[in-house]
Amino acid sequence: MRVIKLGGSLMNDVESLTQCLNTIEQKVKDKVVIVPGGGLFADQVRLAQKQWQFNDEIAHEMAILAMQQMALLFKSIKPNFLVSNTVSTKFDNKVVIWSPDIKQLNQDGIEASWDITSDSLAAWLAKKIQADELILVKSADVPEKMTINQMQKQGLVDKAFEQFTHKSSYNIALLNKYSFNEYTFI
């Protein structure tokens, strides 16, 4: 089983986002859970928090709603993919788009902080469902063979990512949108 996080910035490039979803549909043979980034929806939460000064708990819930909106956007592109808020390894579809449930995240003690984005939530989910691989797909250029610490320093993953991947048993791949389409799925 794989967890593939598609960065919210892919929303800005219809062709690349569609190609990434096509790649998942056509090339991945085992079960996949797609974790959507928040994209422009999450960016609006950040702007609203600056303007209205609401606390991080409210911002966190709104950012989760942003991920849910992206999940629906993905579903509109790939109607045969299943959208689910359940954290499980048992699902009938080959491809599931995860629409995170704020209650589940709160029960598991996920902190309400901008240090924890969809990158860390994808890592949390991968550990929770005992995935074999976590793939993070970004719009940004991604240098080859980076440590998690280097990824964090370059802003390619969030500040909490290392904490969520610590002692994980899954492989981690960080790819840009172009290299993802060429990635060899084992």
N, C-alpha and C. Protein backbone atom coordinates (compact mmCIF):
# COMPACT_ATOMS: atom_id res chain seq x y z
N MET A 1 0.84 -1.18 0.00
CA MET A 1 0.00 0.00 0.00
C MET A 1 0.88 1.24 0.00
N ARG A 2 0.41 2.27 -0.72
CA ARG A 2 1.14 3.54 -0.82
C ARG A 2 0.26 4.69 -0.37
N VAL A 3 0.91 5.70 0.17
CA VAL A 3 0.27 6.99 0.41
C VAL A 3 0.98 7.97 -0.51
N ILE A 4 0.19 8.67 -1.33
CA ILE A 4 0.75 9.66 -2.25
C ILE A 4 0.12 11.01 -1.92
N LYS A 5 0.96 11.93 -1.48
CA LYS A 5 0.48 13.27 -1.16
C LYS A 5 0.70 14.16 -2.39
N LEU A 6 -0.38 14.71 -2.91
CA LEU A 6 -0.29 15.62 -4.05
C LEU A 6 -0.38 17.04 -3.51
N GLY A 7 0.70 17.77 -3.68
CA GLY A 7 0.79 19.13 -3.14
C GLY A 7 -0.30 20.04 -3.64
N GLY A 8 -0.78 20.89 -2.76
CA GLY A 8 -1.83 21.83 -3.11
C GLY A 8 -1.44 22.77 -4.23
N SER A 9 -0.14 23.01 -4.38
CA SER A 9 0.32 23.91 -5.45
C SER A 9 0.05 23.34 -6.84
N LEU A 10 -0.20 22.04 -6.92
CA LEU A 10 -0.55 21.43 -8.22
C LEU A 10 -1.89 21.96 -8.74
N MET A 11 -2.69 22.52 -7.83
CA MET A 11 -3.97 23.09 -8.22
C MET A 11 -3.80 24.22 -9.23
N ASN A 12 -2.63 24.87 -9.20
CA ASN A 12 -2.36 25.98 -10.10
C ASN A 12 -2.02 25.54 -11.52
N ASP A 13 -1.90 24.24 -11.74
CA ASP A 13 -1.49 23.71 -13.04
C ASP A 13 -2.39 22.52 -13.39
N VAL A 14 -3.48 22.82 -14.08
CA VAL A 14 -4.49 21.81 -14.40
C VAL A 14 -3.87 20.60 -15.09
N GLU A 15 -3.00 20.85 -16.04
CA GLU A 15 -2.39 19.75 -16.80
C GLU A 15 -1.55 18.84 -15.90
N SER A 16 -0.74 19.43 -15.04
CA SER A 16 0.12 18.63 -14.16
C SER A 16 -0.68 17.84 -13.14
N LEU A 17 -1.68 18.47 -12.54
CA LEU A 17 -2.52 17.77 -11.57
C LEU A 17 -3.23 16.61 -12.24
N THR A 18 -3.81 16.85 -13.40
CA THR A 18 -4.51 15.79 -14.13
C THR A 18 -3.54 14.67 -14.50
N GLN A 19 -2.33 15.02 -14.93
CA GLN A 19 -1.33 14.01 -15.29
C GLN A 19 -0.93 13.18 -14.09
N CYS A 20 -0.76 13.81 -12.93
CA CYS A 20 -0.42 13.06 -11.71
C CYS A 20 -1.53 12.07 -11.36
N LEU A 21 -2.77 12.50 -11.45
CA LEU A 21 -3.89 11.60 -11.17
C LEU A 21 -3.96 10.48 -12.21
N ASN A 22 -3.68 10.80 -13.47
CA ASN A 22 -3.63 9.77 -14.52
C ASN A 22 -2.52 8.76 -14.24
N THR A 23 -1.37 9.25 -13.80
CA THR A 23 -0.24 8.36 -13.47
C THR A 23 -0.65 7.38 -12.38
N ILE A 24 -1.29 7.89 -11.34
CA ILE A 24 -1.75 7.01 -10.26
C ILE A 24 -2.71 5.96 -10.80
N GLU A 25 -3.65 6.39 -11.60
CA GLU A 25 -4.66 5.48 -12.14
C GLU A 25 -4.04 4.42 -13.06
N GLN A 26 -3.07 4.80 -13.87
CA GLN A 26 -2.54 3.91 -14.90
C GLN A 26 -1.33 3.08 -14.46
N LYS A 27 -0.49 3.62 -13.59
CA LYS A 27 0.78 2.96 -13.30
C LYS A 27 0.84 2.24 -11.97
N VAL A 28 0.07 2.68 -10.99
CA VAL A 28 0.18 2.09 -9.66
C VAL A 28 -0.70 0.84 -9.61
N LYS A 29 -0.07 -0.27 -9.28
CA LYS A 29 -0.77 -1.56 -9.31
C LYS A 29 -1.39 -1.93 -7.96
N ASP A 30 -0.77 -1.48 -6.86
CA ASP A 30 -1.32 -1.83 -5.55
C ASP A 30 -2.26 -0.72 -5.08
N LYS A 31 -2.78 -0.85 -3.88
CA LYS A 31 -3.72 0.13 -3.35
C LYS A 31 -3.00 1.43 -3.00
N VAL A 32 -3.71 2.53 -3.21
CA VAL A 32 -3.16 3.86 -3.01
C VAL A 32 -4.15 4.71 -2.23
N VAL A 33 -3.61 5.48 -1.29
CA VAL A 33 -4.40 6.52 -0.64
C VAL A 33 -3.75 7.85 -1.03
N ILE A 34 -4.53 8.71 -1.66
CA ILE A 34 -4.05 10.03 -2.06
C ILE A 34 -4.39 11.02 -0.94
N VAL A 35 -3.39 11.79 -0.54
CA VAL A 35 -3.60 12.85 0.45
C VAL A 35 -3.50 14.18 -0.30
N PRO A 36 -4.58 14.95 -0.32
CA PRO A 36 -4.52 16.24 -1.01
C PRO A 36 -3.93 17.32 -0.13
N GLY A 37 -3.15 18.20 -0.73
CA GLY A 37 -2.73 19.40 -0.03
C GLY A 37 -3.92 20.36 0.00
N GLY A 38 -3.77 21.46 0.68
CA GLY A 38 -4.87 22.42 0.80
C GLY A 38 -4.94 23.44 -0.32
N GLY A 39 -3.83 23.64 -1.00
CA GLY A 39 -3.79 24.55 -2.15
C GLY A 39 -4.27 25.95 -1.84
N LEU A 40 -4.93 26.54 -2.82
CA LEU A 40 -5.42 27.91 -2.68
C LEU A 40 -6.42 28.04 -1.54
N PHE A 41 -7.13 26.94 -1.25
CA PHE A 41 -8.09 26.98 -0.15
C PHE A 41 -7.37 27.22 1.18
N ALA A 42 -6.25 26.52 1.40
CA ALA A 42 -5.47 26.72 2.62
C ALA A 42 -4.81 28.10 2.65
N ASP A 43 -4.39 28.57 1.48
CA ASP A 43 -3.82 29.92 1.41
C ASP A 43 -4.83 30.97 1.89
N GLN A 44 -6.10 30.76 1.55
CA GLN A 44 -7.14 31.68 2.00
C GLN A 44 -7.33 31.64 3.51
N VAL A 45 -7.15 30.46 4.09
CA VAL A 45 -7.22 30.34 5.56
C VAL A 45 -6.10 31.16 6.19
N ARG A 46 -4.89 31.06 5.65
CA ARG A 46 -3.76 31.82 6.18
C ARG A 46 -4.04 33.33 6.12
N LEU A 47 -4.58 33.78 4.99
CA LEU A 47 -4.90 35.21 4.84
C LEU A 47 -6.00 35.63 5.80
N ALA A 48 -7.02 34.81 5.93
CA ALA A 48 -8.13 35.13 6.83
C ALA A 48 -7.66 35.18 8.28
N GLN A 49 -6.76 34.27 8.67
CA GLN A 49 -6.26 34.28 10.04
C GLN A 49 -5.49 35.56 10.32
N LYS A 50 -4.70 36.03 9.35
CA LYS A 50 -3.98 37.30 9.54
C LYS A 50 -4.96 38.46 9.72
N GLN A 51 -5.99 38.46 8.90
CA GLN A 51 -6.96 39.56 8.95
C GLN A 51 -7.82 39.51 10.20
N TRP A 52 -8.32 38.34 10.54
CA TRP A 52 -9.30 38.22 11.62
C TRP A 52 -8.70 37.78 12.95
N GLN A 53 -7.43 37.36 12.94
CA GLN A 53 -6.71 37.01 14.17
C GLN A 53 -7.36 35.87 14.96
N PHE A 54 -8.01 34.92 14.27
CA PHE A 54 -8.56 33.77 15.00
C PHE A 54 -7.43 32.82 15.35
N ASN A 55 -7.68 31.96 16.34
CA ASN A 55 -6.62 31.11 16.90
C ASN A 55 -6.27 29.95 15.96
N ASP A 56 -5.20 29.26 16.32
CA ASP A 56 -4.69 28.16 15.48
C ASP A 56 -5.66 26.97 15.44
N GLU A 57 -6.45 26.77 16.49
CA GLU A 57 -7.42 25.67 16.47
C GLU A 57 -8.45 25.89 15.35
N ILE A 58 -8.95 27.11 15.25
CA ILE A 58 -9.91 27.42 14.18
C ILE A 58 -9.22 27.34 12.82
N ALA A 59 -8.02 27.89 12.73
CA ALA A 59 -7.27 27.82 11.46
C ALA A 59 -7.02 26.37 11.05
N HIS A 60 -6.70 25.52 12.03
CA HIS A 60 -6.45 24.10 11.76
C HIS A 60 -7.70 23.44 11.17
N GLU A 61 -8.84 23.68 11.80
CA GLU A 61 -10.09 23.10 11.29
C GLU A 61 -10.40 23.61 9.89
N MET A 62 -10.16 24.88 9.65
CA MET A 62 -10.40 25.45 8.33
C MET A 62 -9.43 24.87 7.30
N ALA A 63 -8.18 24.64 7.70
CA ALA A 63 -7.19 24.05 6.79
C ALA A 63 -7.56 22.60 6.45
N ILE A 64 -8.12 21.88 7.40
CA ILE A 64 -8.60 20.52 7.12
C ILE A 64 -9.75 20.58 6.12
N LEU A 65 -10.62 21.57 6.27
CA LEU A 65 -11.69 21.76 5.27
C LEU A 65 -11.10 22.06 3.89
N ALA A 66 -9.99 22.78 3.86
CA ALA A 66 -9.31 23.06 2.58
C ALA A 66 -8.86 21.75 1.93
N MET A 67 -8.30 20.84 2.73
CA MET A 67 -7.90 19.52 2.20
C MET A 67 -9.13 18.75 1.70
N GLN A 68 -10.24 18.87 2.42
CA GLN A 68 -11.46 18.20 1.99
C GLN A 68 -11.96 18.76 0.66
N GLN A 69 -11.84 20.07 0.49
CA GLN A 69 -12.22 20.68 -0.79
C GLN A 69 -11.34 20.16 -1.93
N MET A 70 -10.05 20.04 -1.66
CA MET A 70 -9.15 19.50 -2.68
C MET A 70 -9.50 18.05 -3.00
N ALA A 71 -9.88 17.29 -1.99
CA ALA A 71 -10.29 15.90 -2.22
C ALA A 71 -11.47 15.86 -3.19
N LEU A 72 -12.40 16.77 -3.02
CA LEU A 72 -13.55 16.83 -3.93
C LEU A 72 -13.14 17.27 -5.33
N LEU A 73 -12.18 18.19 -5.40
CA LEU A 73 -11.66 18.60 -6.71
C LEU A 73 -11.03 17.40 -7.43
N PHE A 74 -10.21 16.62 -6.69
CA PHE A 74 -9.60 15.42 -7.28
C PHE A 74 -10.68 14.46 -7.77
N LYS A 75 -11.72 14.29 -6.96
CA LYS A 75 -12.83 13.39 -7.31
C LYS A 75 -13.53 13.89 -8.58
N SER A 76 -13.61 15.19 -8.76
CA SER A 76 -14.26 15.72 -9.97
C SER A 76 -13.45 15.38 -11.22
N ILE A 77 -12.13 15.24 -11.05
CA ILE A 77 -11.26 14.88 -12.17
C ILE A 77 -11.27 13.37 -12.41
N LYS A 78 -11.34 12.61 -11.32
CA LYS A 78 -11.32 11.14 -11.39
C LYS A 78 -12.53 10.58 -10.63
N PRO A 79 -13.71 10.59 -11.26
CA PRO A 79 -14.92 10.14 -10.57
C PRO A 79 -14.89 8.69 -10.08
N ASN A 80 -14.02 7.87 -10.66
CA ASN A 80 -13.93 6.46 -10.24
C ASN A 80 -13.11 6.29 -8.96
N PHE A 81 -12.41 7.32 -8.51
CA PHE A 81 -11.67 7.25 -7.26
C PHE A 81 -12.67 7.45 -6.11
N LEU A 82 -12.46 6.78 -5.02
CA LEU A 82 -13.32 6.87 -3.85
C LEU A 82 -12.79 7.94 -2.90
N VAL A 83 -13.68 8.78 -2.37
CA VAL A 83 -13.31 9.74 -1.34
C VAL A 83 -13.74 9.16 0.00
N SER A 84 -12.82 9.16 0.96
CA SER A 84 -13.12 8.60 2.27
C SER A 84 -12.44 9.39 3.38
N ASN A 85 -13.14 9.55 4.50
CA ASN A 85 -12.52 10.18 5.66
C ASN A 85 -12.05 9.14 6.67
N THR A 86 -12.22 7.88 6.33
CA THR A 86 -11.84 6.79 7.22
C THR A 86 -10.36 6.47 7.08
N VAL A 87 -9.72 6.25 8.20
CA VAL A 87 -8.33 5.82 8.23
C VAL A 87 -8.35 4.30 8.35
N SER A 88 -8.10 3.64 7.23
CA SER A 88 -8.23 2.19 7.21
C SER A 88 -7.39 1.59 6.10
N THR A 89 -7.07 0.32 6.26
CA THR A 89 -6.38 -0.41 5.19
C THR A 89 -7.38 -1.24 4.40
N LYS A 90 -8.61 -1.25 4.85
CA LYS A 90 -9.64 -2.08 4.20
C LYS A 90 -10.58 -1.21 3.39
N PHE A 91 -10.34 -1.20 2.10
CA PHE A 91 -11.25 -0.52 1.19
C PHE A 91 -11.25 -1.27 -0.12
N ASP A 92 -12.37 -1.20 -0.81
CA ASP A 92 -12.53 -1.97 -2.05
C ASP A 92 -11.85 -1.32 -3.25
N ASN A 93 -11.88 -0.01 -3.30
CA ASN A 93 -11.28 0.69 -4.44
C ASN A 93 -9.76 0.57 -4.41
N LYS A 94 -9.18 0.56 -5.59
CA LYS A 94 -7.71 0.58 -5.70
C LYS A 94 -7.17 1.94 -5.27
N VAL A 95 -7.91 3.00 -5.59
CA VAL A 95 -7.47 4.35 -5.27
C VAL A 95 -8.51 5.05 -4.39
N VAL A 96 -8.04 5.54 -3.25
CA VAL A 96 -8.88 6.28 -2.31
C VAL A 96 -8.27 7.66 -2.13
N ILE A 97 -9.10 8.67 -2.15
CA ILE A 97 -8.68 10.04 -1.85
C ILE A 97 -9.08 10.29 -0.41
N TRP A 98 -8.10 10.57 0.43
CA TRP A 98 -8.39 10.79 1.85
C TRP A 98 -8.89 12.21 2.07
N SER A 99 -10.04 12.32 2.70
CA SER A 99 -10.63 13.58 3.11
C SER A 99 -10.60 13.58 4.63
N PRO A 100 -9.57 14.18 5.23
CA PRO A 100 -9.33 14.00 6.67
C PRO A 100 -10.50 14.42 7.54
N ASP A 101 -10.67 13.68 8.62
CA ASP A 101 -11.72 13.94 9.60
C ASP A 101 -11.09 14.64 10.80
N ILE A 102 -11.51 15.86 11.08
CA ILE A 102 -10.93 16.65 12.17
C ILE A 102 -11.09 15.94 13.50
N LYS A 103 -12.19 15.22 13.71
CA LYS A 103 -12.40 14.51 14.98
C LYS A 103 -11.33 13.43 15.16
N GLN A 104 -11.04 12.69 14.10
CA GLN A 104 -10.00 11.65 14.16
C GLN A 104 -8.64 12.25 14.47
N LEU A 105 -8.32 13.35 13.80
CA LEU A 105 -7.03 14.00 14.03
C LEU A 105 -6.93 14.51 15.47
N ASN A 106 -8.01 15.08 15.98
CA ASN A 106 -8.01 15.56 17.36
C ASN A 106 -7.87 14.40 18.34
N GLN A 107 -8.57 13.30 18.08
CA GLN A 107 -8.48 12.12 18.95
C GLN A 107 -7.05 11.58 19.00
N ASP A 108 -6.35 11.68 17.89
CA ASP A 108 -4.98 11.17 17.83
C ASP A 108 -3.95 12.21 18.28
N GLY A 109 -4.42 13.35 18.74
CA GLY A 109 -3.53 14.34 19.31
C GLY A 109 -2.73 15.15 18.31
N ILE A 110 -3.24 15.29 17.09
CA ILE A 110 -2.56 16.11 16.09
C ILE A 110 -2.71 17.57 16.51
N GLU A 111 -1.59 18.22 16.71
CA GLU A 111 -1.58 19.60 17.19
C GLU A 111 -2.12 20.55 16.12
N ALA A 112 -2.84 21.57 16.57
CA ALA A 112 -3.33 22.62 15.68
C ALA A 112 -2.22 23.65 15.51
N SER A 113 -1.47 23.53 14.42
CA SER A 113 -0.31 24.39 14.19
C SER A 113 0.01 24.42 12.70
N TRP A 114 0.49 25.57 12.24
CA TRP A 114 0.91 25.67 10.84
C TRP A 114 2.22 24.91 10.61
N ASP A 115 2.85 24.43 11.67
CA ASP A 115 4.04 23.58 11.52
C ASP A 115 3.65 22.20 11.00
N ILE A 116 2.38 21.87 11.11
CA ILE A 116 1.86 20.58 10.65
C ILE A 116 0.93 20.85 9.48
N THR A 117 1.39 20.48 8.29
CA THR A 117 0.59 20.65 7.08
C THR A 117 0.22 19.27 6.54
N SER A 118 -0.29 19.26 5.33
CA SER A 118 -0.67 17.99 4.71
C SER A 118 0.52 17.05 4.53
N ASP A 119 1.74 17.58 4.49
CA ASP A 119 2.93 16.71 4.42
C ASP A 119 2.99 15.82 5.66
N SER A 120 2.92 16.44 6.84
CA SER A 120 2.97 15.67 8.08
C SER A 120 1.74 14.79 8.25
N LEU A 121 0.60 15.28 7.81
CA LEU A 121 -0.61 14.45 7.92
C LEU A 121 -0.50 13.22 7.02
N ALA A 122 0.12 13.37 5.87
CA ALA A 122 0.35 12.21 4.99
C ALA A 122 1.30 11.22 5.67
N ALA A 123 2.32 11.73 6.34
CA ALA A 123 3.26 10.86 7.07
C ALA A 123 2.54 10.15 8.21
N TRP A 124 1.71 10.88 8.94
CA TRP A 124 0.92 10.29 10.03
C TRP A 124 0.03 9.17 9.49
N LEU A 125 -0.65 9.46 8.37
CA LEU A 125 -1.55 8.46 7.77
C LEU A 125 -0.77 7.24 7.31
N ALA A 126 0.37 7.45 6.66
CA ALA A 126 1.18 6.33 6.18
C ALA A 126 1.58 5.41 7.33
N LYS A 127 1.93 6.00 8.46
CA LYS A 127 2.28 5.19 9.63
C LYS A 127 1.04 4.47 10.17
N LYS A 128 -0.06 5.19 10.23
CA LYS A 128 -1.31 4.66 10.79
C LYS A 128 -1.81 3.44 10.00
N ILE A 129 -1.71 3.49 8.68
CA ILE A 129 -2.23 2.38 7.86
C ILE A 129 -1.12 1.40 7.46
N GLN A 130 0.08 1.62 8.01
CA GLN A 130 1.22 0.74 7.76
C GLN A 130 1.54 0.64 6.27
N ALA A 131 1.61 1.80 5.64
CA ALA A 131 1.95 1.86 4.21
C ALA A 131 3.40 1.44 4.00
N ASP A 132 3.69 0.98 2.80
CA ASP A 132 5.05 0.60 2.43
C ASP A 132 5.85 1.80 1.93
N GLU A 133 5.12 2.81 1.41
CA GLU A 133 5.81 3.95 0.81
C GLU A 133 4.96 5.20 0.96
N LEU A 134 5.65 6.31 1.20
CA LEU A 134 5.05 7.64 1.21
C LEU A 134 5.72 8.43 0.11
N ILE A 135 4.92 8.92 -0.83
CA ILE A 135 5.44 9.74 -1.93
C ILE A 135 4.83 11.13 -1.80
N LEU A 136 5.69 12.14 -1.75
CA LEU A 136 5.26 13.52 -1.71
C LEU A 136 5.53 14.14 -3.07
N VAL A 137 4.49 14.64 -3.72
CA VAL A 137 4.63 15.24 -5.05
C VAL A 137 4.46 16.75 -4.91
N LYS A 138 5.47 17.47 -5.38
CA LYS A 138 5.52 18.93 -5.26
C LYS A 138 5.60 19.59 -6.63
N SER A 139 5.21 20.85 -6.68
CA SER A 139 5.42 21.64 -7.90
C SER A 139 6.85 22.15 -7.98
N ALA A 140 7.46 22.34 -6.83
CA ALA A 140 8.82 22.89 -6.75
C ALA A 140 9.85 21.92 -7.30
N ASP A 141 10.99 22.46 -7.71
CA ASP A 141 12.11 21.61 -8.09
C ASP A 141 12.60 20.88 -6.84
N VAL A 142 12.91 19.62 -7.01
CA VAL A 142 13.33 18.79 -5.88
C VAL A 142 14.70 18.20 -6.19
N PRO A 143 15.72 18.63 -5.43
CA PRO A 143 17.04 18.03 -5.63
C PRO A 143 17.02 16.55 -5.27
N GLU A 144 17.87 15.78 -5.90
CA GLU A 144 17.93 14.33 -5.62
C GLU A 144 18.61 14.07 -4.29
N LYS A 145 18.21 12.99 -3.65
CA LYS A 145 18.83 12.45 -2.44
C LYS A 145 19.05 13.49 -1.35
N MET A 146 17.96 13.91 -0.75
CA MET A 146 18.02 14.85 0.36
C MET A 146 17.60 14.15 1.64
N THR A 147 18.16 14.58 2.74
CA THR A 147 17.70 14.09 4.03
C THR A 147 16.42 14.86 4.40
N ILE A 148 15.69 14.33 5.35
CA ILE A 148 14.48 15.01 5.79
C ILE A 148 14.83 16.38 6.36
N ASN A 149 15.93 16.45 7.09
CA ASN A 149 16.36 17.73 7.65
C ASN A 149 16.64 18.74 6.55
N GLN A 150 17.29 18.31 5.48
CA GLN A 150 17.56 19.19 4.34
C GLN A 150 16.26 19.63 3.66
N MET A 151 15.30 18.69 3.56
CA MET A 151 14.00 19.03 2.98
C MET A 151 13.32 20.13 3.79
N GLN A 152 13.40 20.00 5.11
CA GLN A 152 12.79 21.00 5.98
C GLN A 152 13.48 22.34 5.85
N LYS A 153 14.80 22.35 5.84
CA LYS A 153 15.55 23.60 5.73
C LYS A 153 15.25 24.33 4.42
N GLN A 154 14.99 23.58 3.35
CA GLN A 154 14.67 24.19 2.06
C GLN A 154 13.18 24.51 1.91
N GLY A 155 12.39 24.19 2.93
CA GLY A 155 10.96 24.49 2.89
C GLY A 155 10.17 23.56 2.01
N LEU A 156 10.73 22.41 1.68
CA LEU A 156 10.02 21.45 0.82
C LEU A 156 9.01 20.62 1.60
N VAL A 157 9.23 20.48 2.90
CA VAL A 157 8.26 19.83 3.79
C VAL A 157 8.10 20.72 5.02
N ASP A 158 7.05 20.48 5.77
CA ASP A 158 6.78 21.34 6.93
C ASP A 158 7.72 21.05 8.10
N LYS A 159 7.65 21.90 9.09
CA LYS A 159 8.57 21.83 10.24
C LYS A 159 8.38 20.59 11.09
N ALA A 160 7.20 19.99 11.08
CA ALA A 160 6.92 18.82 11.92
C ALA A 160 7.16 17.49 11.19
N PHE A 161 7.50 17.54 9.93
CA PHE A 161 7.60 16.32 9.12
C PHE A 161 8.54 15.29 9.72
N GLU A 162 9.70 15.73 10.18
CA GLU A 162 10.68 14.80 10.75
C GLU A 162 10.10 14.09 11.98
N GLN A 163 9.37 14.81 12.78
CA GLN A 163 8.75 14.21 13.97
C GLN A 163 7.73 13.14 13.57
N PHE A 164 7.01 13.35 12.50
CA PHE A 164 6.00 12.39 12.06
C PHE A 164 6.60 11.19 11.33
N THR A 165 7.78 11.36 10.77
CA THR A 165 8.41 10.25 10.05
C THR A 165 9.44 9.50 10.89
N HIS A 166 9.72 10.02 12.08
CA HIS A 166 10.70 9.38 12.97
C HIS A 166 10.27 7.95 13.27
N LYS A 167 11.17 7.03 13.10
CA LYS A 167 10.94 5.60 13.34
C LYS A 167 9.83 5.02 12.45
N SER A 168 9.67 5.58 11.27
CA SER A 168 8.68 5.02 10.35
C SER A 168 9.30 3.85 9.59
N SER A 169 8.47 2.92 9.19
CA SER A 169 8.98 1.75 8.47
C SER A 169 8.77 1.85 6.97
N TYR A 170 8.17 2.92 6.50
CA TYR A 170 7.91 3.08 5.07
C TYR A 170 9.03 3.87 4.39
N ASN A 171 9.17 3.65 3.09
CA ASN A 171 10.11 4.43 2.28
C ASN A 171 9.49 5.78 1.99
N ILE A 172 10.33 6.80 1.85
CA ILE A 172 9.86 8.15 1.55
C ILE A 172 10.50 8.61 0.25
N ALA A 173 9.67 9.09 -0.66
CA ALA A 173 10.16 9.66 -1.92
C ALA A 173 9.59 11.07 -2.05
N LEU A 174 10.44 12.04 -2.33
CA LEU A 174 10.04 13.41 -2.58
C LEU A 174 10.30 13.68 -4.06
N LEU A 175 9.24 13.98 -4.80
CA LEU A 175 9.34 14.14 -6.25
C LEU A 175 8.66 15.42 -6.70
N ASN A 176 9.14 15.97 -7.81
CA ASN A 176 8.37 17.06 -8.39
C ASN A 176 7.35 16.47 -9.36
N LYS A 177 6.46 17.32 -9.83
CA LYS A 177 5.35 16.84 -10.67
C LYS A 177 5.80 16.15 -11.95
N TYR A 178 6.97 16.51 -12.46
CA TYR A 178 7.46 15.88 -13.68
C TYR A 178 8.11 14.52 -13.41
N SER A 179 8.91 14.46 -12.36
CA SER A 179 9.57 13.19 -12.06
C SER A 179 8.58 12.15 -11.54
N PHE A 180 7.47 12.60 -10.97
CA PHE A 180 6.45 11.65 -10.51
C PHE A 180 5.91 10.83 -11.67
N ASN A 181 5.68 11.50 -12.77
CA ASN A 181 5.11 10.81 -13.94
C ASN A 181 6.07 9.78 -14.53
N GLU A 182 7.37 9.91 -14.22
CA GLU A 182 8.38 8.98 -14.70
C GLU A 182 8.80 7.99 -13.61
N TYR A 183 8.26 8.12 -12.43
CA TYR A 183 8.65 7.29 -11.28
C TYR A 183 8.33 5.83 -11.53
N THR A 184 9.22 4.96 -11.11
CA THR A 184 9.01 3.52 -11.28
C THR A 184 8.39 2.98 -9.99
N PHE A 185 7.16 2.56 -10.09
CA PHE A 185 6.45 1.99 -8.95
C PHE A 185 6.77 0.51 -8.87
N ILE A 186 7.27 0.08 -7.73
CA ILE A 186 7.65 -1.31 -7.55
C ILE A 186 6.46 -2.14 -7.13
